């Protein structure tokens, strides 16, 4: 596939980039190399190759999610510098 100036302009517009002078020539050459590499991959025989879904055969072994009380509300409130009945008191962070 041949990369034309219109193709470069279209890609530049979509990516909000500008290519002028030597940069336009360089990007055209890079795009043509990418396309030729993809064409090379088309030559590979993949007839009996299974599609790859996962990168490894490892299985995630997750622990059971068992709810448990680790700290009570009273114990948690003891760690705060200021408390108000059931809540932590903090300095005001929003102004009018």
N, C-alpha and C. Protein backbone atom coordinates (compact mmCIF):
# COMPACT_ATOMS: atom_id res chain seq x y z
N UNK A 1 0.84 -1.18 0.00
CA UNK A 1 0.00 0.00 0.00
C UNK A 1 0.89 1.24 0.00
N UNK A 2 0.54 2.17 -0.82
CA UNK A 2 1.29 3.42 -0.93
C UNK A 2 0.61 4.48 -0.09
N UNK A 3 1.38 5.14 0.75
CA UNK A 3 0.86 6.22 1.59
C UNK A 3 0.93 7.51 0.79
N UNK A 4 -0.21 8.16 0.63
CA UNK A 4 -0.26 9.41 -0.14
C UNK A 4 -0.27 10.61 0.80
N UNK A 5 -0.11 11.79 0.20
CA UNK A 5 -0.17 13.03 0.98
C UNK A 5 -1.55 13.19 1.61
N UNK A 6 -2.59 12.75 0.91
CA UNK A 6 -3.95 12.85 1.46
C UNK A 6 -4.09 11.97 2.70
N UNK A 7 -3.47 10.79 2.68
CA UNK A 7 -3.51 9.90 3.84
C UNK A 7 -2.80 10.55 5.03
N UNK A 8 -1.64 11.14 4.78
CA UNK A 8 -0.90 11.82 5.83
C UNK A 8 -1.71 12.99 6.38
N UNK A 9 -2.34 13.77 5.48
CA UNK A 9 -3.18 14.89 5.92
C UNK A 9 -4.34 14.41 6.78
N UNK A 10 -4.97 13.32 6.38
CA UNK A 10 -6.11 12.78 7.12
C UNK A 10 -5.67 12.31 8.51
N UNK A 11 -4.58 11.57 8.58
CA UNK A 11 -4.06 11.09 9.87
C UNK A 11 -3.64 12.27 10.74
N UNK A 12 -3.02 13.27 10.14
CA UNK A 12 -2.60 14.46 10.88
C UNK A 12 -3.81 15.19 11.44
N UNK A 13 -4.87 15.28 10.65
CA UNK A 13 -6.09 15.95 11.13
C UNK A 13 -6.71 15.17 12.29
N UNK A 14 -6.80 13.86 12.17
CA UNK A 14 -7.39 13.04 13.22
C UNK A 14 -6.59 13.10 14.51
N UNK A 15 -5.27 13.16 14.39
CA UNK A 15 -4.42 13.18 15.59
C UNK A 15 -4.06 14.60 16.03
N UNK A 16 -4.59 15.60 15.34
CA UNK A 16 -4.32 17.00 15.65
C UNK A 16 -2.83 17.30 15.65
N UNK A 17 -2.14 16.77 14.62
CA UNK A 17 -0.71 17.02 14.44
C UNK A 17 -0.49 17.75 13.13
N UNK A 18 0.67 18.33 12.98
CA UNK A 18 1.04 18.98 11.72
C UNK A 18 2.37 18.43 11.25
N UNK A 19 2.44 18.06 9.98
CA UNK A 19 3.67 17.54 9.38
C UNK A 19 4.01 18.41 8.19
N UNK A 20 5.15 19.06 8.26
CA UNK A 20 5.61 19.92 7.17
C UNK A 20 7.04 19.55 6.79
N UNK A 21 7.37 19.71 5.52
CA UNK A 21 8.74 19.53 5.04
C UNK A 21 9.30 18.14 5.28
N UNK A 22 10.46 18.07 5.94
CA UNK A 22 11.13 16.80 6.17
C UNK A 22 10.33 15.88 7.10
N UNK A 23 9.58 16.48 8.01
CA UNK A 23 8.77 15.66 8.91
C UNK A 23 7.68 14.92 8.14
N UNK A 24 7.12 15.55 7.12
CA UNK A 24 6.09 14.90 6.28
C UNK A 24 6.71 13.72 5.53
N UNK A 25 7.90 13.91 5.00
CA UNK A 25 8.59 12.83 4.29
C UNK A 25 8.91 11.69 5.26
N UNK A 26 9.35 12.04 6.46
CA UNK A 26 9.71 11.02 7.45
C UNK A 26 8.49 10.23 7.90
N UNK A 27 7.37 10.92 8.13
CA UNK A 27 6.17 10.20 8.59
C UNK A 27 5.62 9.31 7.49
N UNK A 28 5.71 9.76 6.23
CA UNK A 28 5.28 8.90 5.12
C UNK A 28 6.14 7.65 5.06
N UNK A 29 7.44 7.80 5.23
CA UNK A 29 8.33 6.63 5.19
C UNK A 29 8.04 5.70 6.36
N UNK A 30 7.80 6.25 7.54
CA UNK A 30 7.48 5.42 8.70
C UNK A 30 6.18 4.66 8.50
N UNK A 31 5.17 5.33 7.99
CA UNK A 31 3.89 4.67 7.74
C UNK A 31 4.02 3.56 6.70
N UNK A 32 4.80 3.80 5.66
CA UNK A 32 5.00 2.77 4.64
C UNK A 32 5.74 1.56 5.22
N UNK A 33 6.71 1.80 6.12
CA UNK A 33 7.40 0.68 6.78
C UNK A 33 6.43 -0.12 7.66
N UNK A 34 5.56 0.58 8.34
CA UNK A 34 4.58 -0.11 9.19
C UNK A 34 3.65 -0.97 8.33
N UNK A 35 3.17 -0.41 7.24
CA UNK A 35 2.27 -1.15 6.35
C UNK A 35 2.99 -2.35 5.74
N UNK A 36 4.25 -2.18 5.34
CA UNK A 36 4.98 -3.31 4.76
C UNK A 36 5.22 -4.40 5.80
N UNK A 37 5.43 -4.02 7.08
CA UNK A 37 5.58 -5.00 8.13
C UNK A 37 4.27 -5.78 8.32
N UNK A 38 3.15 -5.09 8.28
CA UNK A 38 1.85 -5.77 8.40
C UNK A 38 1.63 -6.72 7.23
N UNK A 39 2.04 -6.30 6.04
CA UNK A 39 1.92 -7.17 4.87
C UNK A 39 2.78 -8.42 5.05
N UNK A 40 3.95 -8.26 5.67
CA UNK A 40 4.85 -9.39 5.92
C UNK A 40 4.18 -10.37 6.88
N UNK A 41 3.48 -9.85 7.89
CA UNK A 41 2.77 -10.72 8.83
C UNK A 41 1.66 -11.51 8.16
N UNK A 42 1.08 -10.96 7.09
CA UNK A 42 0.03 -11.68 6.37
C UNK A 42 0.57 -12.95 5.71
N UNK A 43 1.87 -13.01 5.48
CA UNK A 43 2.48 -14.18 4.84
C UNK A 43 2.64 -15.36 5.80
N UNK A 44 2.55 -15.12 7.11
CA UNK A 44 2.74 -16.18 8.10
C UNK A 44 1.54 -17.12 8.07
N UNK A 45 1.85 -18.44 8.07
CA UNK A 45 0.79 -19.45 8.07
C UNK A 45 0.24 -19.61 9.48
N UNK A 46 -1.01 -19.24 9.66
CA UNK A 46 -1.66 -19.34 10.97
C UNK A 46 -2.86 -20.28 10.92
N UNK A 47 -2.82 -21.21 10.00
CA UNK A 47 -3.96 -22.10 9.77
C UNK A 47 -4.34 -22.90 11.01
N UNK A 48 -3.39 -23.54 11.68
CA UNK A 48 -3.70 -24.39 12.83
C UNK A 48 -3.30 -23.76 14.16
N UNK A 49 -3.30 -22.45 14.22
CA UNK A 49 -2.92 -21.75 15.44
C UNK A 49 -4.19 -21.32 16.17
N UNK A 50 -4.27 -21.72 17.45
CA UNK A 50 -5.42 -21.33 18.27
C UNK A 50 -5.33 -19.84 18.60
N UNK A 51 -6.46 -19.14 18.66
CA UNK A 51 -6.42 -17.73 19.06
C UNK A 51 -5.93 -17.61 20.50
N UNK A 52 -5.13 -16.60 20.75
CA UNK A 52 -4.59 -16.36 22.09
C UNK A 52 -5.55 -15.45 22.85
N UNK A 53 -6.07 -15.98 23.95
CA UNK A 53 -6.99 -15.20 24.76
C UNK A 53 -6.26 -14.60 25.95
N UNK A 54 -5.42 -15.40 26.61
CA UNK A 54 -4.67 -14.95 27.77
C UNK A 54 -3.18 -15.11 27.46
N UNK A 55 -2.37 -14.25 28.06
CA UNK A 55 -0.93 -14.28 27.80
C UNK A 55 -0.23 -15.43 28.50
N UNK A 56 -0.80 -15.95 29.59
CA UNK A 56 -0.19 -17.07 30.30
C UNK A 56 -1.27 -18.11 30.61
N UNK A 57 -0.82 -19.27 31.03
CA UNK A 57 -1.76 -20.31 31.42
C UNK A 57 -2.08 -20.26 32.91
N UNK A 58 -1.52 -19.27 33.61
CA UNK A 58 -1.74 -19.14 35.04
C UNK A 58 -3.19 -18.76 35.32
N UNK A 59 -3.67 -19.21 36.47
CA UNK A 59 -5.03 -18.90 36.90
C UNK A 59 -4.93 -18.07 38.17
N UNK A 60 -5.70 -17.00 38.23
CA UNK A 60 -5.70 -16.19 39.45
C UNK A 60 -6.33 -16.99 40.59
N UNK A 61 -5.58 -17.14 41.65
CA UNK A 61 -6.09 -17.81 42.83
C UNK A 61 -6.35 -16.75 43.88
N UNK A 62 -7.60 -16.44 44.07
CA UNK A 62 -7.99 -15.38 44.98
C UNK A 62 -8.48 -15.98 46.29
N UNK A 63 -8.24 -15.28 47.38
CA UNK A 63 -8.73 -15.74 48.66
C UNK A 63 -10.22 -15.47 48.75
N UNK A 64 -10.89 -16.22 49.63
CA UNK A 64 -12.30 -15.99 49.85
C UNK A 64 -12.51 -14.64 50.51
N UNK A 65 -13.52 -13.93 50.10
CA UNK A 65 -13.84 -12.64 50.68
C UNK A 65 -14.78 -12.87 51.86
N UNK A 66 -14.19 -12.92 53.04
CA UNK A 66 -14.95 -13.19 54.25
C UNK A 66 -15.00 -11.91 55.08
N UNK A 67 -16.20 -11.39 55.34
CA UNK A 67 -16.27 -10.17 56.16
C UNK A 67 -15.87 -10.46 57.59
N UNK A 68 -15.14 -9.54 58.18
CA UNK A 68 -14.71 -9.70 59.56
C UNK A 68 -14.54 -8.33 60.19
N UNK A 69 -14.85 -8.20 61.46
CA UNK A 69 -14.63 -6.95 62.18
C UNK A 69 -13.17 -6.90 62.59
N UNK A 70 -12.47 -5.89 62.09
CA UNK A 70 -11.06 -5.77 62.44
C UNK A 70 -10.84 -4.66 63.45
N UNK A 71 -11.70 -3.64 63.42
CA UNK A 71 -11.58 -2.53 64.37
C UNK A 71 -12.98 -1.97 64.57
N UNK A 72 -13.31 -1.66 65.79
CA UNK A 72 -14.63 -1.11 66.07
C UNK A 72 -14.62 0.40 65.79
N UNK A 73 -15.82 0.96 65.72
CA UNK A 73 -15.93 2.40 65.48
C UNK A 73 -15.31 3.18 66.63
N UNK A 74 -15.53 2.73 67.84
CA UNK A 74 -14.97 3.41 69.01
C UNK A 74 -13.45 3.40 68.96
N UNK A 75 -12.86 2.26 68.60
CA UNK A 75 -11.40 2.17 68.49
C UNK A 75 -10.87 3.08 67.39
N UNK A 76 -11.59 3.16 66.29
CA UNK A 76 -11.18 4.03 65.19
C UNK A 76 -11.23 5.49 65.61
N UNK A 77 -12.29 5.88 66.31
CA UNK A 77 -12.42 7.27 66.74
C UNK A 77 -11.36 7.66 67.75
N UNK A 78 -10.82 6.72 68.48
CA UNK A 78 -9.74 7.02 69.43
C UNK A 78 -8.48 7.50 68.72
N UNK A 79 -8.30 7.14 67.44
CA UNK A 79 -7.11 7.51 66.68
C UNK A 79 -7.19 8.93 66.12
N UNK A 80 -8.37 9.53 66.12
CA UNK A 80 -8.51 10.86 65.56
C UNK A 80 -8.21 11.94 66.58
N UNK A 81 -7.66 13.09 66.14
CA UNK A 81 -7.35 14.16 67.08
C UNK A 81 -8.61 14.80 67.66
N UNK A 82 -9.67 14.91 66.86
CA UNK A 82 -10.93 15.49 67.33
C UNK A 82 -12.07 14.61 66.83
N UNK A 83 -13.01 14.34 67.72
CA UNK A 83 -14.18 13.55 67.33
C UNK A 83 -15.43 14.24 67.82
N UNK A 84 -16.55 13.91 67.19
CA UNK A 84 -17.84 14.46 67.58
C UNK A 84 -18.83 13.30 67.54
N UNK A 85 -19.13 12.73 68.64
CA UNK A 85 -19.98 11.55 68.81
C UNK A 85 -19.50 10.40 67.92
N UNK A 86 -20.09 10.26 66.74
CA UNK A 86 -19.76 9.11 65.88
C UNK A 86 -18.85 9.47 64.71
N UNK A 87 -18.32 10.70 64.66
CA UNK A 87 -17.59 11.16 63.48
C UNK A 87 -16.26 11.79 63.86
N UNK A 88 -15.33 11.83 62.88
CA UNK A 88 -14.10 12.60 63.03
C UNK A 88 -14.42 14.06 62.75
N UNK A 89 -13.81 14.98 63.46
CA UNK A 89 -13.94 16.41 63.19
C UNK A 89 -12.67 16.84 62.46
N UNK A 90 -12.87 17.53 61.35
CA UNK A 90 -11.74 18.00 60.56
C UNK A 90 -11.92 19.49 60.31
N UNK A 91 -10.82 20.21 59.99
CA UNK A 91 -10.95 21.63 59.66
C UNK A 91 -11.74 21.80 58.37
N UNK A 92 -12.43 22.94 58.29
CA UNK A 92 -13.21 23.24 57.09
C UNK A 92 -12.27 23.38 55.88
N UNK A 93 -12.61 22.75 54.79
CA UNK A 93 -11.77 22.82 53.60
C UNK A 93 -12.42 23.60 52.46
N UNK A 94 -13.68 23.90 52.59
CA UNK A 94 -14.38 24.68 51.57
C UNK A 94 -14.77 26.01 52.14
N UNK A 95 -14.67 27.05 51.36
CA UNK A 95 -15.09 28.37 51.81
C UNK A 95 -16.27 28.83 50.98
N UNK A 96 -16.98 29.83 51.48
CA UNK A 96 -18.15 30.35 50.75
C UNK A 96 -17.77 31.26 49.65
